[in-house]
């Protein structure tokens, strides 16, 4: 799917696409910061009795005071993705797949610390497939160009951003997988590598969608 070449102001359909991309992008970009900083602030002012500091993963915020924010944000992303059509059949299919996976991540939580739960398998598989689908959006779908029109300088710059964001998502997936090898170590509990890799993936996804929504590097 090439970047939209039509004037958004004259096309309500394009406006809705841009709005969806921006909404998805902003939620993804802000989610890790909101979860981490608001929880730290609530603990600091003694509003909640959660453990101080960041959690071991983004998913672990399900069991904090911000659990509703975590679930609500993922459900919003899921619904937006299910509503997303784009301009290509692959866009629509990828959007629906990602939307269902985002809802599964939200509604099938990971297990509490060291407590087995049947929902964990669904959660982890859904999260993995969701990140892979989001990487596919960035690396493949967003970087397509109209064969009948030469790409603008801004489009070429956007394609570099999409590629970087997609590669960072893939790197984060590998980082999360490697981090779980040390999940019972002091390093895992102290430095929270899964949280940082997940945050990197979510922020990269958000930035990619904001770029696609023409928040930056918009064509003249």
Foldseek 3Di string as FASTA:
>chain_A
DEFDPDDCVVDVVLVLQLVLLLLLLVLLQCLLVCLFVVQQVCVVVVVFDDDHGDDLASLQSCPPPCVCVSLVSLQSNLVSLCVHDPDDPVSNVLSNLLSVLSNLLNPLGADHPPDDDPSNVSNVVSVLVNLLSLLCCLQPVHLDHDPVDDDDPLSVVLNVLSNVLSVLSVVLSVQLVVLVVCCVPPCSVPVSSNHVSNSSNSSSSSVNSNVSSVPPSHDD
